[in-house]
Amino acid sequence: MHIGRPRAQRPSSLYRAPGGTVETLPSLLATAAWAFGHVRHNHRIWSQMTRILVQNPDLVRRLEPEELVMLSGGFSKVKVYDRRLFKQVAQQAVNCMHRFTAHQLAQIAGAFSEVRHLGEDLMLKALCDRVAELSSSERAGGGKGAFELADKALLVRALSELNSLPMVCWDGRDRNEALGIGNFYPLLQKPFSP
């Protein structure tokens, strides 16, 4: 029971966690999706989360890059796919693409390829632009930085599965050179899980 403001006046998007911290409902849903997906637990919670998120698109619009990755990754791990939900996630990803890290780019591309969500050209173009931006800053910093080998593998594999690897997103350079992967394609033939 909450003492203070009556229940009707409390913001519906806030949840007071047992530790006393306040979390937003979108963050809570992303965390739940990640947790249930991580243990690959197939439960009716997936249809309930999908319904809540699709009926309230503002919830997805309030997610940060890490939460978008957690949400899409959770759904993709248990192979639960709703086109409307992934479309909303893609739109929000475009809005905040400039804040994605290299690891988050690889993870969200991997989640979209896992459920075979095609047709998000705007998101993929923004993602490729961000990859090129991070790659050029990586080269400027002496080659150290943004992309770990596993992230490169997941990103290249996900983009190829989404039929987006040929997109011009490598600053006019050879796509192998842009990611610094050289003769990396033999790895794509082997099963890979992040």
Protein backbone atom coordinates (compact mmCIF):
# COMPACT_ATOMS: atom_id res chain seq x y z
CA MET A 1 0.00 0.00 0.00
CA HIS A 2 1.29 3.43 -0.91
CA ILE A 3 0.99 6.17 1.66
CA GLY A 4 0.75 9.71 0.35
CA ARG A 5 -0.92 10.44 -2.95
CA PRO A 6 -3.99 8.35 -3.72
CA ARG A 7 -3.45 5.60 -6.27
CA ALA A 8 -5.42 7.43 -8.97
CA GLN A 9 -3.05 10.39 -8.81
CA ARG A 10 0.19 8.43 -9.03
CA PRO A 11 1.73 8.27 -12.51
CA SER A 12 0.77 4.93 -14.06
CA SER A 13 4.15 4.57 -15.74
CA LEU A 14 6.07 4.43 -12.45
CA TYR A 15 6.71 1.36 -10.38
CA ARG A 16 8.37 1.34 -7.00
CA ALA A 17 10.67 -1.64 -6.91
CA PRO A 18 11.18 -3.53 -3.63
CA GLY A 19 14.55 -1.80 -3.13
CA GLY A 20 12.81 1.56 -3.09
CA THR A 21 14.00 2.63 -6.54
CA VAL A 22 11.51 3.94 -9.02
CA GLU A 23 11.54 2.35 -12.44
CA THR A 24 9.44 3.24 -15.42
CA LEU A 25 7.06 0.70 -16.86
CA PRO A 26 8.87 0.64 -20.24
CA SER A 27 12.17 -0.10 -18.50
CA LEU A 28 10.51 -2.78 -16.42
CA LEU A 29 9.02 -4.45 -19.51
CA ALA A 30 12.40 -4.38 -21.27
CA THR A 31 14.07 -5.93 -18.23
CA ALA A 32 11.38 -8.62 -17.98
CA ALA A 33 11.74 -9.42 -21.69
CA TRP A 34 15.49 -9.72 -21.33
CA ALA A 35 15.20 -11.95 -18.24
CA PHE A 36 12.57 -14.29 -19.67
CA GLY A 37 14.41 -14.38 -22.99
CA HIS A 38 17.76 -15.06 -21.35
CA VAL A 39 16.41 -18.23 -19.74
CA ARG A 40 14.37 -18.91 -22.89
CA HIS A 41 11.19 -19.15 -20.90
CA ASN A 42 8.12 -19.44 -23.10
CA HIS A 43 5.19 -18.10 -21.11
CA ARG A 44 1.98 -16.18 -21.66
CA ILE A 45 3.84 -13.09 -20.50
CA TRP A 46 5.06 -12.61 -24.09
CA SER A 47 1.57 -12.11 -25.48
CA GLN A 48 0.68 -9.82 -22.58
CA MET A 49 3.82 -7.70 -23.03
CA THR A 50 3.21 -7.54 -26.78
CA ARG A 51 -0.36 -6.38 -26.25
CA ILE A 52 0.67 -3.70 -23.74
CA LEU A 53 3.49 -2.37 -25.92
CA VAL A 54 1.55 -2.40 -29.19
CA GLN A 55 -1.51 -0.74 -27.65
CA ASN A 56 0.68 1.90 -25.95
CA PRO A 57 3.33 2.93 -28.50
CA ASP A 58 4.48 5.74 -26.20
CA LEU A 59 6.02 3.10 -23.93
CA VAL A 60 8.40 2.00 -26.69
CA ARG A 61 9.18 5.63 -27.58
CA ARG A 62 10.52 6.13 -24.05
CA LEU A 63 13.05 3.28 -24.23
CA GLU A 64 16.78 3.98 -24.29
CA PRO A 65 19.13 2.05 -26.63
CA GLU A 66 20.06 -0.54 -23.98
CA GLU A 67 16.38 -1.15 -23.23
CA LEU A 68 15.55 -1.51 -26.94
CA VAL A 69 18.27 -4.14 -27.17
CA MET A 70 16.96 -5.93 -24.08
CA LEU A 71 13.37 -5.88 -25.35
CA SER A 72 14.08 -7.02 -28.90
CA GLY A 73 16.70 -9.51 -27.73
CA GLY A 74 14.34 -11.09 -25.21
CA PHE A 75 11.59 -11.53 -27.78
CA SER A 76 13.99 -12.90 -30.38
CA LYS A 77 15.56 -15.47 -28.04
CA VAL A 78 12.23 -17.22 -27.55
CA LYS A 79 11.22 -16.62 -31.18
CA VAL A 80 8.19 -14.50 -30.27
CA TYR A 81 7.57 -12.14 -33.14
CA ASP A 82 4.99 -9.42 -33.61
CA ARG A 83 5.58 -7.25 -36.67
CA ARG A 84 3.90 -4.20 -35.10
CA LEU A 85 6.11 -4.36 -32.02
CA PHE A 86 9.35 -4.75 -33.98
CA LYS A 87 8.28 -1.88 -36.24
CA GLN A 88 7.86 0.34 -33.15
CA VAL A 89 11.26 -0.77 -31.83
CA ALA A 90 12.83 0.03 -35.22
CA GLN A 91 11.27 3.51 -35.25
CA GLN A 92 12.57 4.27 -31.76
CA ALA A 93 15.99 2.89 -32.67
CA VAL A 94 16.17 5.35 -35.55
CA ASN A 95 15.27 8.20 -33.16
CA CYS A 96 18.10 7.40 -30.76
CA MET A 97 20.62 5.69 -33.08
CA HIS A 98 23.28 8.31 -32.31
CA ARG A 99 23.42 6.97 -28.72
CA PHE A 100 23.93 3.30 -29.62
CA THR A 101 27.28 1.73 -28.77
CA ALA A 102 29.00 -0.71 -31.11
CA HIS A 103 27.88 -3.64 -28.95
CA GLN A 104 24.26 -2.42 -28.91
CA LEU A 105 24.27 -2.03 -32.71
CA ALA A 106 25.36 -5.63 -33.10
CA GLN A 107 22.83 -6.88 -30.56
CA ILE A 108 19.80 -5.10 -32.06
CA ALA A 109 20.77 -6.17 -35.58
CA GLY A 110 21.12 -9.72 -34.27
CA ALA A 111 17.69 -9.60 -32.63
CA PHE A 112 16.03 -8.36 -35.81
CA SER A 113 17.74 -11.03 -37.92
CA GLU A 114 16.82 -13.74 -35.40
CA VAL A 115 13.10 -13.11 -35.97
CA ARG A 116 13.67 -12.30 -39.66
CA HIS A 117 12.12 -8.85 -39.38
CA LEU A 118 12.78 -7.44 -42.86
CA GLY A 119 11.81 -4.15 -44.44
CA GLU A 120 13.22 -1.67 -41.94
CA ASP A 121 15.38 0.15 -44.46
CA LEU A 122 15.35 3.42 -42.52
CA MET A 123 16.61 1.71 -39.35
CA LEU A 124 19.20 -0.30 -41.24
CA LYS A 125 20.47 2.81 -43.03
CA ALA A 126 20.74 4.64 -39.69
CA LEU A 127 22.45 1.60 -38.18
CA CYS A 128 24.94 1.41 -41.05
CA ASP A 129 25.63 5.15 -40.77
CA ARG A 130 26.33 4.69 -37.05
CA VAL A 131 28.62 1.73 -37.80
CA ALA A 132 30.56 3.88 -40.26
CA GLU A 133 30.77 6.71 -37.71
CA LEU A 134 32.06 4.40 -34.97
CA SER A 135 34.45 2.69 -37.39
CA SER A 136 35.97 5.99 -38.49
CA SER A 137 36.40 7.11 -34.87
CA GLU A 138 37.96 3.72 -34.13
CA ARG A 139 40.50 4.23 -36.93
CA ALA A 140 41.19 7.80 -35.79
CA GLY A 141 41.91 6.47 -32.29
CA GLY A 142 44.64 4.17 -33.54
CA GLY A 143 42.47 1.13 -34.24
CA LYS A 144 41.43 0.62 -30.64
CA GLY A 145 37.90 0.92 -29.66
CA ALA A 146 34.38 0.36 -30.63
CA PHE A 147 33.99 -3.05 -32.19
CA GLU A 148 34.97 -6.30 -30.52
CA LEU A 149 35.48 -9.31 -32.79
CA ALA A 150 32.25 -10.98 -31.61
CA ASP A 151 30.31 -7.75 -32.30
CA LYS A 152 31.77 -7.58 -35.81
CA ALA A 153 30.81 -11.19 -36.49
CA LEU A 154 27.27 -10.74 -35.19
CA LEU A 155 26.79 -7.47 -37.04
CA VAL A 156 28.01 -8.76 -40.40
CA ARG A 157 26.02 -11.95 -40.04
CA ALA A 158 22.83 -10.13 -38.98
CA LEU A 159 23.09 -7.60 -41.79
CA SER A 160 23.64 -10.35 -44.34
CA GLU A 161 20.61 -12.27 -43.02
CA LEU A 162 18.55 -9.06 -43.25
CA ASN A 163 19.71 -8.67 -46.87
CA SER A 164 21.37 -5.38 -45.92
CA LEU A 165 25.06 -6.13 -46.11
CA PRO A 166 25.34 -4.71 -49.63
CA MET A 167 23.87 -1.38 -48.46
CA VAL A 168 26.27 1.49 -48.99
CA CYS A 169 27.06 2.18 -45.37
CA TRP A 170 30.79 1.99 -45.28
CA ASP A 171 31.74 5.58 -46.24
CA GLY A 172 32.34 4.58 -49.85
CA ARG A 173 35.04 2.12 -48.81
CA ASP A 174 35.01 -1.61 -49.14
CA ARG A 175 32.65 -2.97 -46.45
CA ASN A 176 35.33 -5.37 -45.19
CA GLU A 177 37.75 -2.49 -44.72
CA ALA A 178 35.14 -0.31 -42.98
CA LEU A 179 34.59 -2.86 -40.23
CA GLY A 180 38.21 -3.95 -40.25
CA ILE A 181 37.22 -7.53 -40.89
CA GLY A 182 39.38 -8.39 -43.90
CA ASN A 183 38.84 -12.03 -44.83
CA PHE A 184 36.16 -12.51 -42.23
CA TYR A 185 33.47 -14.22 -44.28
CA PRO A 186 34.56 -17.82 -43.50
CA LEU A 187 33.42 -17.20 -39.90
CA LEU A 188 29.93 -16.44 -41.17
CA GLN A 189 29.57 -20.00 -42.36
CA LYS A 190 29.93 -21.36 -38.83
CA PRO A 191 27.15 -21.30 -36.21
CA PHE A 192 27.57 -18.33 -33.93
CA SER A 193 25.75 -17.28 -30.81
CA PRO A 194 26.58 -14.13 -28.83
